[in-house]
């Protein structure tokens, strides 16, 4: 670039890299929140499966 100093180019690159890191950090935060939601749903499904398996066991053993 004509008329732009090496220092200005470096500052622009640093600013762009900083912007990209901020975007990435926000995305990582969103992903972590989504993972937390999935972990809660996973536990809910595990509990439901456990309850269903227990009921099935009791039915096959004649308890119900």
PDB file of N, CA and C in Angstrom:
ATOM      1  N   UNK A   1       0.843  -1.180   0.000  1.00  0.00           N
ATOM      2  CA  UNK A   1       0.000   0.000   0.000  1.00  0.00           C
ATOM      3  C   UNK A   1       0.886   1.240   0.000  1.00  0.00           C
ATOM      4  N   UNK A   2       0.612   2.084  -0.922  1.00  0.00           N
ATOM      5  CA  UNK A   2       1.408   3.300  -1.021  1.00  0.00           C
ATOM      6  C   UNK A   2       0.942   4.301   0.032  1.00  0.00           C
ATOM      7  N   UNK A   3       1.868   4.920   0.696  1.00  0.00           N
ATOM      8  CA  UNK A   3       1.539   5.938   1.673  1.00  0.00           C
ATOM      9  C   UNK A   3       1.167   5.398   3.051  1.00  0.00           C
ATOM     10  N   UNK A   4       1.174   4.081   3.212  1.00  0.00           N
ATOM     11  CA  UNK A   4       0.856   3.482   4.517  1.00  0.00           C
ATOM     12  C   UNK A   4       2.150   2.902   5.084  1.00  0.00           C
ATOM     13  N   UNK A   5       2.463   3.297   6.290  1.00  0.00           N
ATOM     14  CA  UNK A   5       3.715   2.836   6.889  1.00  0.00           C
ATOM     15  C   UNK A   5       3.592   1.401   7.378  1.00  0.00           C
ATOM     16  N   UNK A   6       4.734   0.806   7.556  1.00  0.00           N
ATOM     17  CA  UNK A   6       4.795  -0.553   8.082  1.00  0.00           C
ATOM     18  C   UNK A   6       4.111  -0.623   9.441  1.00  0.00           C
ATOM     19  N   UNK A   7       4.296   0.399  10.267  1.00  0.00           N
ATOM     20  CA  UNK A   7       3.689   0.435  11.599  1.00  0.00           C
ATOM     21  C   UNK A   7       2.167   0.476  11.479  1.00  0.00           C
ATOM     22  N   UNK A   8       1.647   1.246  10.548  1.00  0.00           N
ATOM     23  CA  UNK A   8       0.194   1.309  10.355  1.00  0.00           C
ATOM     24  C   UNK A   8      -0.354  -0.047   9.908  1.00  0.00           C
ATOM     25  N   UNK A   9       0.358  -0.724   9.036  1.00  0.00           N
ATOM     26  CA  UNK A   9      -0.068  -2.049   8.595  1.00  0.00           C
ATOM     27  C   UNK A   9      -0.099  -3.026   9.766  1.00  0.00           C
ATOM     28  N   UNK A  10       0.944  -2.967  10.588  1.00  0.00           N
ATOM     29  CA  UNK A  10       0.983  -3.838  11.761  1.00  0.00           C
ATOM     30  C   UNK A  10      -0.174  -3.539  12.709  1.00  0.00           C
ATOM     31  N   UNK A  11      -0.464  -2.268  12.934  1.00  0.00           N
ATOM     32  CA  UNK A  11      -1.567  -1.898  13.817  1.00  0.00           C
ATOM     33  C   UNK A  11      -2.906  -2.380  13.264  1.00  0.00           C
ATOM     34  N   UNK A  12      -3.070  -2.304  11.959  1.00  0.00           N
ATOM     35  CA  UNK A  12      -4.303  -2.807  11.339  1.00  0.00           C
ATOM     36  C   UNK A  12      -4.412  -4.322  11.510  1.00  0.00           C
ATOM     37  N   UNK A  13      -3.305  -5.006  11.311  1.00  0.00           N
ATOM     38  CA  UNK A  13      -3.311  -6.459  11.481  1.00  0.00           C
ATOM     39  C   UNK A  13      -3.619  -6.842  12.931  1.00  0.00           C
ATOM     40  N   UNK A  14      -3.042  -6.107  13.857  1.00  0.00           N
ATOM     41  CA  UNK A  14      -3.301  -6.364  15.273  1.00  0.00           C
ATOM     42  C   UNK A  14      -4.771  -6.108  15.593  1.00  0.00           C
ATOM     43  N   UNK A  15      -5.317  -5.022  15.081  1.00  0.00           N
ATOM     44  CA  UNK A  15      -6.727  -4.705  15.316  1.00  0.00           C
ATOM     45  C   UNK A  15      -7.621  -5.794  14.737  1.00  0.00           C
ATOM     46  N   UNK A  16      -7.322  -6.265  13.544  1.00  0.00           N
ATOM     47  CA  UNK A  16      -8.121  -7.322  12.921  1.00  0.00           C
ATOM     48  C   UNK A  16      -7.988  -8.628  13.692  1.00  0.00           C
ATOM     49  N   UNK A  17      -6.793  -8.966  14.116  1.00  0.00           N
ATOM     50  CA  UNK A  17      -6.588 -10.188  14.897  1.00  0.00           C
ATOM     51  C   UNK A  17      -7.340 -10.103  16.223  1.00  0.00           C
ATOM     52  N   UNK A  18      -7.322  -8.946  16.851  1.00  0.00           N
ATOM     53  CA  UNK A  18      -8.049  -8.740  18.108  1.00  0.00           C
ATOM     54  C   UNK A  18      -9.546  -8.914  17.886  1.00  0.00           C
ATOM     55  N   UNK A  19     -10.068  -8.353  16.809  1.00  0.00           N
ATOM     56  CA  UNK A  19     -11.486  -8.475  16.484  1.00  0.00           C
ATOM     57  C   UNK A  19     -11.867  -9.938  16.280  1.00  0.00           C
ATOM     58  N   UNK A  20     -11.025 -10.654  15.548  1.00  0.00           N
ATOM     59  CA  UNK A  20     -11.299 -12.070  15.302  1.00  0.00           C
ATOM     60  C   UNK A  20     -11.246 -12.889  16.593  1.00  0.00           C
ATOM     61  N   UNK A  21     -10.337 -12.564  17.482  1.00  0.00           N
ATOM     62  CA  UNK A  21     -10.255 -13.278  18.757  1.00  0.00           C
ATOM     63  C   UNK A  21     -11.480 -12.994  19.618  1.00  0.00           C
ATOM     64  N   UNK A  22     -11.992 -11.763  19.575  1.00  0.00           N
ATOM     65  CA  UNK A  22     -13.196 -11.435  20.333  1.00  0.00           C
ATOM     66  C   UNK A  22     -14.394 -12.200  19.790  1.00  0.00           C
ATOM     67  N   UNK A  23     -14.494 -12.312  18.482  1.00  0.00           N
ATOM     68  CA  UNK A  23     -15.567 -13.088  17.862  1.00  0.00           C
ATOM     69  C   UNK A  23     -15.448 -14.555  18.261  1.00  0.00           C
ATOM     70  N   UNK A  24     -14.237 -15.084  18.216  1.00  0.00           N
ATOM     71  CA  UNK A  24     -14.008 -16.480  18.588  1.00  0.00           C
ATOM     72  C   UNK A  24     -14.347 -16.713  20.057  1.00  0.00           C
ATOM     73  N   UNK A  25     -13.989 -15.788  20.919  1.00  0.00           N
ATOM     74  CA  UNK A  25     -14.277 -15.924  22.346  1.00  0.00           C
ATOM     75  C   UNK A  25     -15.790 -15.938  22.586  1.00  0.00           C
ATOM     76  N   UNK A  26     -16.512 -15.089  21.879  1.00  0.00           N
ATOM     77  CA  UNK A  26     -17.973 -15.066  22.010  1.00  0.00           C
ATOM     78  C   UNK A  26     -18.562 -16.383  21.525  1.00  0.00           C
ATOM     79  N   UNK A  27     -18.022 -16.897  20.447  1.00  0.00           N
ATOM     80  CA  UNK A  27     -18.501 -18.171  19.909  1.00  0.00           C
ATOM     81  C   UNK A  27     -18.219 -19.313  20.886  1.00  0.00           C
ATOM     82  N   UNK A  28     -17.057 -19.308  21.480  1.00  0.00           N
ATOM     83  CA  UNK A  28     -16.706 -20.336  22.470  1.00  0.00           C
ATOM     84  C   UNK A  28     -17.664 -20.270  23.657  1.00  0.00           C
ATOM     85  N   UNK A  29     -18.001 -19.067  24.100  1.00  0.00           N
ATOM     86  CA  UNK A  29     -18.947 -18.913  25.205  1.00  0.00           C
ATOM     87  C   UNK A  29     -20.304 -19.499  24.837  1.00  0.00           C
ATOM     88  N   UNK A  30     -20.768 -19.227  23.618  1.00  0.00           N
ATOM     89  CA  UNK A  30     -22.041 -19.778  23.153  1.00  0.00           C
ATOM     90  C   UNK A  30     -21.993 -21.302  23.108  1.00  0.00           C
ATOM     91  N   UNK A  31     -20.889 -21.838  22.625  1.00  0.00           N
ATOM     92  CA  UNK A  31     -20.752 -23.295  22.556  1.00  0.00           C
ATOM     93  C   UNK A  31     -20.741 -23.919  23.949  1.00  0.00           C
ATOM     94  N   UNK A  32     -20.072 -23.279  24.888  1.00  0.00           N
ATOM     95  CA  UNK A  32     -20.043 -23.794  26.262  1.00  0.00           C
ATOM     96  C   UNK A  32     -21.446 -23.804  26.864  1.00  0.00           C
ATOM     97  N   UNK A  33     -22.227 -22.749  26.589  1.00  0.00           N
ATOM     98  CA  UNK A  33     -23.604 -22.710  27.078  1.00  0.00           C
ATOM     99  C   UNK A  33     -24.429 -23.829  26.450  1.00  0.00           C
ATOM    100  N   UNK A  34     -24.212 -24.041  25.168  1.00  0.00           N
ATOM    101  CA  UNK A  34     -24.941 -25.099  24.474  1.00  0.00           C
ATOM    102  C   UNK A  34     -24.555 -26.476  25.038  1.00  0.00           C
ATOM    103  N   UNK A  35     -23.279 -26.665  25.308  1.00  0.00           N
ATOM    104  CA  UNK A  35     -22.806 -27.926  25.896  1.00  0.00           C
ATOM    105  C   UNK A  35     -23.458 -28.132  27.267  1.00  0.00           C
ATOM    106  N   UNK A  36     -23.540 -27.080  28.057  1.00  0.00           N
ATOM    107  CA  UNK A  36     -24.172 -27.196  29.375  1.00  0.00           C
ATOM    108  C   UNK A  36     -25.637 -27.613  29.228  1.00  0.00           C
ATOM    109  N   UNK A  37     -26.332 -27.015  28.268  1.00  0.00           N
ATOM    110  CA  UNK A  37     -27.731 -27.392  28.011  1.00  0.00           C
ATOM    111  C   UNK A  37     -27.828 -28.854  27.597  1.00  0.00           C
ATOM    112  N   UNK A  38     -26.909 -29.288  26.753  1.00  0.00           N
ATOM    113  CA  UNK A  38     -26.913 -30.677  26.305  1.00  0.00           C
ATOM    114  C   UNK A  38     -26.619 -31.639  27.449  1.00  0.00           C
ATOM    115  N   UNK A  39     -25.734 -31.244  28.354  1.00  0.00           N
ATOM    116  CA  UNK A  39     -25.441 -32.090  29.507  1.00  0.00           C
ATOM    117  C   UNK A  39     -26.671 -32.249  30.398  1.00  0.00           C
ATOM    118  N   UNK A  40     -27.424 -31.173  30.574  1.00  0.00           N
ATOM    119  CA  UNK A  40     -28.656 -31.244  31.363  1.00  0.00           C
ATOM    120  C   UNK A  40     -29.651 -32.177  30.678  1.00  0.00           C
ATOM    121  N   UNK A  41     -29.826 -32.006  29.369  1.00  0.00           N
ATOM    122  CA  UNK A  41     -30.748 -32.869  28.623  1.00  0.00           C
ATOM    123  C   UNK A  41     -30.276 -34.321  28.655  1.00  0.00           C
ATOM    124  N   UNK A  42     -28.974 -34.545  28.546  1.00  0.00           N
ATOM    125  CA  UNK A  42     -28.427 -35.891  28.611  1.00  0.00           C
ATOM    126  C   UNK A  42     -28.754 -36.547  29.951  1.00  0.00           C
ATOM    127  N   UNK A  43     -28.591 -35.801  31.029  1.00  0.00           N
ATOM    128  CA  UNK A  43     -28.896 -36.357  32.357  1.00  0.00           C
ATOM    129  C   UNK A  43     -30.379 -36.660  32.484  1.00  0.00           C
ATOM    130  N   UNK A  44     -31.221 -35.770  31.958  1.00  0.00           N
ATOM    131  CA  UNK A  44     -32.666 -36.002  32.002  1.00  0.00           C
ATOM    132  C   UNK A  44     -33.021 -37.295  31.264  1.00  0.00           C
ATOM    133  N   UNK A  45     -32.422 -37.497  30.098  1.00  0.00           N
ATOM    134  CA  UNK A  45     -32.687 -38.708  29.328  1.00  0.00           C
ATOM    135  C   UNK A  45     -32.141 -39.956  30.018  1.00  0.00           C
ATOM    136  N   UNK A  46     -30.976 -39.835  30.651  1.00  0.00           N
ATOM    137  CA  UNK A  46     -30.425 -40.967  31.404  1.00  0.00           C
ATOM    138  C   UNK A  46     -31.349 -41.362  32.559  1.00  0.00           C
ATOM    139  N   UNK A  47     -31.851 -40.341  33.256  1.00  0.00           N
ATOM    140  CA  UNK A  47     -32.773 -40.614  34.364  1.00  0.00           C
ATOM    141  C   UNK A  47     -34.042 -41.287  33.854  1.00  0.00           C
ATOM    142  N   UNK A  48     -34.539 -40.802  32.736  1.00  0.00           N
ATOM    143  CA  UNK A  48     -35.752 -41.384  32.150  1.00  0.00           C
ATOM    144  C   UNK A  48     -35.503 -42.835  31.725  1.00  0.00           C
ATOM    145  N   UNK A  49     -34.346 -43.084  31.103  1.00  0.00           N
ATOM    146  CA  UNK A  49     -33.992 -44.439  30.692  1.00  0.00           C
ATOM    147  C   UNK A  49     -33.872 -45.354  31.909  1.00  0.00           C
ATOM    148  N   UNK A  50     -33.228 -44.862  32.938  1.00  0.00           N
ATOM    149  CA  UNK A  50     -33.057 -45.652  34.155  1.00  0.00           C
ATOM    150  C   UNK A  50     -34.415 -46.013  34.754  1.00  0.00           C
ATOM    151  N   UNK A  51     -35.296 -45.044  34.798  1.00  0.00           N
ATOM    152  CA  UNK A  51     -36.637 -45.279  35.325  1.00  0.00           C
ATOM    153  C   UNK A  51     -37.388 -46.308  34.482  1.00  0.00           C
ATOM    154  N   UNK A  52     -37.266 -46.180  33.162  1.00  0.00           N
ATOM    155  CA  UNK A  52     -37.933 -47.118  32.257  1.00  0.00           C
ATOM    156  C   UNK A  52     -37.363 -48.521  32.409  1.00  0.00           C
ATOM    157  N   UNK A  53     -36.039 -48.625  32.498  1.00  0.00           N
ATOM    158  CA  UNK A  53     -35.411 -49.938  32.672  1.00  0.00           C
ATOM    159  C   UNK A  53     -35.811 -50.561  34.002  1.00  0.00           C
ATOM    160  N   UNK A  54     -35.902 -49.744  35.047  1.00  0.00           N
ATOM    161  CA  UNK A  54     -36.309 -50.252  36.354  1.00  0.00           C
ATOM    162  C   UNK A  54     -37.751 -50.756  36.300  1.00  0.00           C
ATOM    163  N   UNK A  55     -38.607 -49.999  35.654  1.00  0.00           N
ATOM    164  CA  UNK A  55     -40.004 -50.429  35.537  1.00  0.00           C
ATOM    165  C   UNK A  55     -40.104 -51.718  34.723  1.00  0.00           C
ATOM    166  N   UNK A  56     -39.339 -51.805  33.644  1.00  0.00           N
ATOM    167  CA  UNK A  56     -39.333 -53.014  32.814  1.00  0.00           C
ATOM    168  C   UNK A  56     -38.848 -54.213  33.620  1.00  0.00           C
ATOM    169  N   UNK A  57     -37.806 -54.002  34.408  1.00  0.00           N
ATOM    170  CA  UNK A  57     -37.285 -55.086  35.248  1.00  0.00           C
ATOM    171  C   UNK A  57     -38.356 -55.557  36.228  1.00  0.00           C
ATOM    172  N   UNK A  58     -39.005 -54.593  36.873  1.00  0.00           N
ATOM    173  CA  UNK A  58     -40.051 -54.950  37.846  1.00  0.00           C
ATOM    174  C   UNK A  58     -41.215 -55.674  37.168  1.00  0.00           C
ATOM    175  N   UNK A  59     -41.539 -55.274  35.932  1.00  0.00           N
ATOM    176  CA  UNK A  59     -42.625 -55.950  35.210  1.00  0.00           C
ATOM    177  C   UNK A  59     -42.243 -57.385  34.865  1.00  0.00           C
ATOM    178  N   UNK A  60     -41.000 -57.589  34.423  1.00  0.00           N
ATOM    179  CA  UNK A  60     -40.571 -58.945  34.041  1.00  0.00           C
ATOM    180  C   UNK A  60     -40.408 -59.837  35.252  1.00  0.00           C
ATOM    181  N   UNK A  61     -40.155 -59.252  36.397  1.00  0.00           N
ATOM    182  CA  UNK A  61     -40.013 -60.028  37.627  1.00  0.00           C
ATOM    183  C   UNK A  61     -41.353 -60.201  38.334  1.00  0.00           C
ATOM    184  N   UNK A  62     -42.424 -59.665  37.733  1.00  0.00           N
ATOM    185  CA  UNK A  62     -43.753 -59.833  38.293  1.00  0.00           C
ATOM    186  C   UNK A  62     -44.089 -58.892  39.437  1.00  0.00           C
ATOM    187  N   UNK A  63     -43.299 -57.868  39.644  1.00  0.00           N
ATOM    188  CA  UNK A  63     -43.565 -56.925  40.737  1.00  0.00           C
ATOM    189  C   UNK A  63     -44.697 -55.975  40.401  1.00  0.00           C
ATOM    190  N   UNK A  64     -44.977 -55.773  39.128  1.00  0.00           N
ATOM    191  CA  UNK A  64     -46.039 -54.840  38.725  1.00  0.00           C
ATOM    192  C   UNK A  64     -47.186 -55.582  38.117  1.00  0.00           C
TER     193      UNK A  64
END
